[in-house]
C-alpha atoms as a PDB file:
ATOM      1  CA  UNK A   1      39.166  19.040 -19.458  1.00  0.00           C
ATOM      2  CA  UNK A   2      35.795  20.046 -20.889  1.00  0.00           C
ATOM      3  CA  UNK A   3      34.724  18.571 -24.190  1.00  0.00           C
ATOM      4  CA  UNK A   4      34.465  20.954 -27.096  1.00  0.00           C
ATOM      5  CA  UNK A   5      32.422  21.037 -30.270  1.00  0.00           C
ATOM      6  CA  UNK A   6      33.822  22.134 -33.619  1.00  0.00           C
ATOM      7  CA  UNK A   7      32.814  22.422 -37.234  1.00  0.00           C
ATOM      8  CA  UNK A   8      34.314  23.820 -40.432  1.00  0.00           C
ATOM      9  CA  UNK A   9      33.024  25.508 -43.582  1.00  0.00           C
ATOM     10  CA  UNK A  10      34.646  26.760 -46.771  1.00  0.00           C
ATOM     11  CA  UNK A  11      33.955  30.382 -47.688  1.00  0.00           C
ATOM     12  CA  UNK A  12      34.643  31.771 -51.160  1.00  0.00           C
ATOM     13  CA  UNK A  13      36.798  34.683 -49.990  1.00  0.00           C
ATOM     14  CA  UNK A  14      40.361  35.326 -48.843  1.00  0.00           C
ATOM     15  CA  UNK A  15      41.163  34.885 -45.121  1.00  0.00           C
ATOM     16  CA  UNK A  16      41.572  38.662 -44.696  1.00  0.00           C
ATOM     17  CA  UNK A  17      38.029  39.267 -45.988  1.00  0.00           C
ATOM     18  CA  UNK A  18      36.611  36.618 -43.643  1.00  0.00           C
ATOM     19  CA  UNK A  19      38.499  38.005 -40.644  1.00  0.00           C
ATOM     20  CA  UNK A  20      37.265  41.517 -41.464  1.00  0.00           C
ATOM     21  CA  UNK A  21      33.674  40.280 -41.056  1.00  0.00           C
ATOM     22  CA  UNK A  22      34.524  38.351 -37.865  1.00  0.00           C
ATOM     23  CA  UNK A  23      36.129  41.496 -36.396  1.00  0.00           C
ATOM     24  CA  UNK A  24      33.162  43.725 -37.344  1.00  0.00           C
ATOM     25  CA  UNK A  25      31.162  43.280 -34.138  1.00  0.00           C
ATOM     26  CA  UNK A  26      28.742  46.097 -34.993  1.00  0.00           C
ATOM     27  CA  UNK A  27      27.288  43.876 -37.748  1.00  0.00           C
ATOM     28  CA  UNK A  28      26.905  40.699 -35.618  1.00  0.00           C
ATOM     29  CA  UNK A  29      23.154  41.285 -35.114  1.00  0.00           C
ATOM     30  CA  UNK A  30      22.812  41.249 -38.936  1.00  0.00           C
ATOM     31  CA  UNK A  31      24.197  37.737 -39.467  1.00  0.00           C
ATOM     32  CA  UNK A  32      24.568  35.729 -36.254  1.00  0.00           C
ATOM     33  CA  UNK A  33      20.904  35.288 -35.343  1.00  0.00           C
ATOM     34  CA  UNK A  34      21.399  34.973 -31.570  1.00  0.00           C
ATOM     35  CA  UNK A  35      23.327  38.257 -31.067  1.00  0.00           C
ATOM     36  CA  UNK A  36      20.892  41.145 -30.602  1.00  0.00           C
ATOM     37  CA  UNK A  37      23.456  43.776 -29.495  1.00  0.00           C
ATOM     38  CA  UNK A  38      27.255  43.971 -29.691  1.00  0.00           C
ATOM     39  CA  UNK A  39      29.324  46.729 -28.103  1.00  0.00           C
ATOM     40  CA  UNK A  40      33.122  46.862 -28.206  1.00  0.00           C
ATOM     41  CA  UNK A  41      34.255  47.890 -24.709  1.00  0.00           C
ATOM     42  CA  UNK A  42      38.030  47.843 -25.216  1.00  0.00           C
ATOM     43  CA  UNK A  43      40.410  47.647 -28.199  1.00  0.00           C
ATOM     44  CA  UNK A  44      44.090  46.817 -28.654  1.00  0.00           C
ATOM     45  CA  UNK A  45      46.754  49.020 -30.270  1.00  0.00           C
ATOM     46  CA  UNK A  46      45.662  47.788 -33.739  1.00  0.00           C
ATOM     47  CA  UNK A  47      42.034  48.721 -33.100  1.00  0.00           C
ATOM     48  CA  UNK A  48      40.887  45.104 -32.714  1.00  0.00           C
ATOM     49  CA  UNK A  49      38.332  44.273 -30.034  1.00  0.00           C
ATOM     50  CA  UNK A  50      39.739  43.025 -26.725  1.00  0.00           C
ATOM     51  CA  UNK A  51      36.460  43.048 -24.788  1.00  0.00           C
ATOM     52  CA  UNK A  52      32.967  42.914 -26.252  1.00  0.00           C
ATOM     53  CA  UNK A  53      29.553  42.989 -24.576  1.00  0.00           C
ATOM     54  CA  UNK A  54      27.003  40.782 -26.322  1.00  0.00           C
ATOM     55  CA  UNK A  55      23.277  40.617 -25.652  1.00  0.00           C
ATOM     56  CA  UNK A  56      22.152  37.160 -26.724  1.00  0.00           C
ATOM     57  CA  UNK A  57      18.700  35.716 -27.352  1.00  0.00           C
ATOM     58  CA  UNK A  58      18.791  32.029 -28.244  1.00  0.00           C
ATOM     59  CA  UNK A  59      15.160  31.230 -27.550  1.00  0.00           C
ATOM     60  CA  UNK A  60      14.991  29.754 -24.056  1.00  0.00           C
ATOM     61  CA  UNK A  61      18.365  31.231 -23.131  1.00  0.00           C
ATOM     62  CA  UNK A  62      18.789  34.987 -22.992  1.00  0.00           C
ATOM     63  CA  UNK A  63      22.074  36.408 -21.750  1.00  0.00           C
ATOM     64  CA  UNK A  64      24.091  39.598 -21.353  1.00  0.00           C
ATOM     65  CA  UNK A  65      27.764  38.647 -21.479  1.00  0.00           C
ATOM     66  CA  UNK A  66      31.232  40.123 -21.835  1.00  0.00           C
ATOM     67  CA  UNK A  67      33.882  38.217 -23.772  1.00  0.00           C
ATOM     68  CA  UNK A  68      37.652  38.819 -23.900  1.00  0.00           C
ATOM     69  CA  UNK A  69      39.218  38.342 -27.363  1.00  0.00           C
ATOM     70  CA  UNK A  70      42.778  37.312 -28.243  1.00  0.00           C
ATOM     71  CA  UNK A  71      44.015  37.799 -31.813  1.00  0.00           C
ATOM     72  CA  UNK A  72      46.787  35.420 -32.933  1.00  0.00           C
ATOM     73  CA  UNK A  73      48.319  36.669 -36.163  1.00  0.00           C
ATOM     74  CA  UNK A  74      45.864  37.524 -38.915  1.00  0.00           C
ATOM     75  CA  UNK A  75      44.084  34.158 -39.146  1.00  0.00           C
ATOM     76  CA  UNK A  76      42.991  33.225 -35.624  1.00  0.00           C
ATOM     77  CA  UNK A  77      40.863  34.778 -32.920  1.00  0.00           C
ATOM     78  CA  UNK A  78      39.817  33.178 -29.652  1.00  0.00           C
ATOM     79  CA  UNK A  79      37.587  34.334 -26.832  1.00  0.00           C
ATOM     80  CA  UNK A  80      36.823  33.532 -23.243  1.00  0.00           C
ATOM     81  CA  UNK A  81      34.035  34.556 -20.894  1.00  0.00           C
ATOM     82  CA  UNK A  82      34.582  37.538 -18.580  1.00  0.00           C
ATOM     83  CA  UNK A  83      31.051  37.705 -17.155  1.00  0.00           C
ATOM     84  CA  UNK A  84      27.609  36.305 -17.856  1.00  0.00           C
ATOM     85  CA  UNK A  85      24.231  35.798 -16.259  1.00  0.00           C
ATOM     86  CA  UNK A  86      23.639  32.298 -17.681  1.00  0.00           C
ATOM     87  CA  UNK A  87      27.081  30.815 -18.359  1.00  0.00           C
ATOM     88  CA  UNK A  88      29.797  29.484 -16.087  1.00  0.00           C
ATOM     89  CA  UNK A  89      32.341  29.457 -18.927  1.00  0.00           C
ATOM     90  CA  UNK A  90      32.550  29.970 -22.672  1.00  0.00           C
ATOM     91  CA  UNK A  91      35.665  29.447 -24.771  1.00  0.00           C
ATOM     92  CA  UNK A  92      35.728  29.625 -28.530  1.00  0.00           C
ATOM     93  CA  UNK A  93      37.837  30.349 -31.560  1.00  0.00           C
ATOM     94  CA  UNK A  94      37.820  30.887 -35.291  1.00  0.00           C
ATOM     95  CA  UNK A  95      40.796  29.508 -37.218  1.00  0.00           C
ATOM     96  CA  UNK A  96      41.143  30.508 -40.871  1.00  0.00           C
ATOM     97  CA  UNK A  97      43.198  28.558 -43.426  1.00  0.00           C
ATOM     98  CA  UNK A  98      43.580  29.383 -47.126  1.00  0.00           C
ATOM     99  CA  UNK A  99      41.787  26.709 -49.147  1.00  0.00           C
ATOM    100  CA  UNK A 100      42.347  26.722 -52.896  1.00  0.00           C
ATOM    101  CA  UNK A 101      42.029  29.736 -55.157  1.00  0.00           C
ATOM    102  CA  UNK A 102      40.598  32.597 -53.111  1.00  0.00           C
ATOM    103  CA  UNK A 103      38.763  30.405 -50.593  1.00  0.00           C
ATOM    104  CA  UNK A 104      39.128  30.012 -46.825  1.00  0.00           C
ATOM    105  CA  UNK A 105      38.401  27.066 -44.560  1.00  0.00           C
ATOM    106  CA  UNK A 106      36.954  28.409 -41.304  1.00  0.00           C
ATOM    107  CA  UNK A 107      36.973  26.186 -38.214  1.00  0.00           C
ATOM    108  CA  UNK A 108      34.843  27.263 -35.248  1.00  0.00           C
ATOM    109  CA  UNK A 109      35.595  25.609 -31.897  1.00  0.00           C
ATOM    110  CA  UNK A 110      33.284  26.145 -28.902  1.00  0.00           C
ATOM    111  CA  UNK A 111      33.098  24.975 -25.285  1.00  0.00           C
ATOM    112  CA  UNK A 112      30.205  26.202 -23.142  1.00  0.00           C
ATOM    113  CA  UNK A 113      29.356  25.481 -19.514  1.00  0.00           C
ATOM    114  CA  UNK A 114      25.951  26.718 -18.383  1.00  0.00           C
ATOM    115  CA  UNK A 115      25.016  27.547 -14.791  1.00  0.00           C
ATOM    116  CA  UNK A 116      21.852  25.448 -15.028  1.00  0.00           C
ATOM    117  CA  UNK A 117      22.206  21.631 -15.010  1.00  0.00           C
ATOM    118  CA  UNK A 118      22.232  20.178 -18.527  1.00  0.00           C
ATOM    119  CA  UNK A 119      23.100  16.739 -19.900  1.00  0.00           C
ATOM    120  CA  UNK A 120      26.385  16.693 -21.798  1.00  0.00           C
ATOM    121  CA  UNK A 121      24.715  15.305 -24.922  1.00  0.00           C
ATOM    122  CA  UNK A 122      22.125  18.119 -24.954  1.00  0.00           C
ATOM    123  CA  UNK A 123      24.810  20.738 -24.291  1.00  0.00           C
ATOM    124  CA  UNK A 124      26.967  19.488 -27.202  1.00  0.00           C
ATOM    125  CA  UNK A 125      23.926  19.452 -29.501  1.00  0.00           C
ATOM    126  CA  UNK A 126      23.210  23.082 -28.539  1.00  0.00           C
ATOM    127  CA  UNK A 127      26.876  23.974 -29.171  1.00  0.00           C
ATOM    128  CA  UNK A 128      26.643  22.300 -32.603  1.00  0.00           C
ATOM    129  CA  UNK A 129      23.515  24.301 -33.499  1.00  0.00           C
ATOM    130  CA  UNK A 130      25.218  27.557 -32.411  1.00  0.00           C
ATOM    131  CA  UNK A 131      28.345  26.742 -34.431  1.00  0.00           C
ATOM    132  CA  UNK A 132      26.481  25.661 -37.570  1.00  0.00           C
ATOM    133  CA  UNK A 133      24.247  28.757 -37.525  1.00  0.00           C
ATOM    134  CA  UNK A 134      27.247  31.042 -36.974  1.00  0.00           C
ATOM    135  CA  UNK A 135      29.262  29.446 -39.795  1.00  0.00           C
ATOM    136  CA  UNK A 136      26.317  29.578 -42.213  1.00  0.00           C
ATOM    137  CA  UNK A 137      25.666  33.220 -41.271  1.00  0.00           C
ATOM    138  CA  UNK A 138      29.364  34.082 -41.608  1.00  0.00           C
ATOM    139  CA  UNK A 139      29.536  32.442 -45.052  1.00  0.00           C
ATOM    140  CA  UNK A 140      26.421  34.275 -46.262  1.00  0.00           C
ATOM    141  CA  UNK A 141      27.649  37.612 -44.859  1.00  0.00           C
ATOM    142  CA  UNK A 142      31.186  37.325 -46.326  1.00  0.00           C
ATOM    143  CA  UNK A 143      30.040  36.084 -49.717  1.00  0.00           C
ATOM    144  CA  UNK A 144      27.413  38.868 -49.962  1.00  0.00           C
ATOM    145  CA  UNK A 145      30.281  41.340 -50.350  1.00  0.00           C
ATOM    146  CA  UNK A 146      28.644  43.933 -48.083  1.00  0.00           C
ATOM    147  CA  UNK A 147      31.152  46.459 -46.722  1.00  0.00           C
ATOM    148  CA  UNK A 148      31.803  46.501 -42.971  1.00  0.00           C
ATOM    149  CA  UNK A 149      30.120  49.113 -40.780  1.00  0.00           C
ATOM    150  CA  UNK A 150      33.421  50.121 -39.196  1.00  0.00           C
ATOM    151  CA  UNK A 151      35.794  51.970 -41.468  1.00  0.00           C
ATOM    152  CA  UNK A 152      39.323  53.128 -40.856  1.00  0.00           C
ATOM    153  CA  UNK A 153      42.747  51.625 -40.400  1.00  0.00           C
ATOM    154  CA  UNK A 154      43.013  48.081 -39.099  1.00  0.00           C
END
């Protein structure tokens, strides 16, 4: 089994508010850093994304990928790679847990396998950088209180 990298952060907002930002793919270019474009290709009966195309630019690695999303209840979302130019596999998840009065602990888990040869230590360090940037961006975006781009029933 492939090794994964994970990290957690506490965000001063309820889990529902955090998940609303995670599910708002149109705003990913605003807070993720590496995501330059995000297009929802397919949604489920609740209007949540099932397949999303992401155009990534992480410096040396640029990629156009499609991810399949699975929503488990209201506090967990996971994804897996459908297609990519640079990656062999990509599996990740966000798990949200209430943490004290109005706060949420967010755990991000990520496993990436690139098509180009890369030492495991370097790959895990890259995963850690991706996770830490995403969590910091998510925290800043949620705590800013900006409304989501997408409106309507969830």
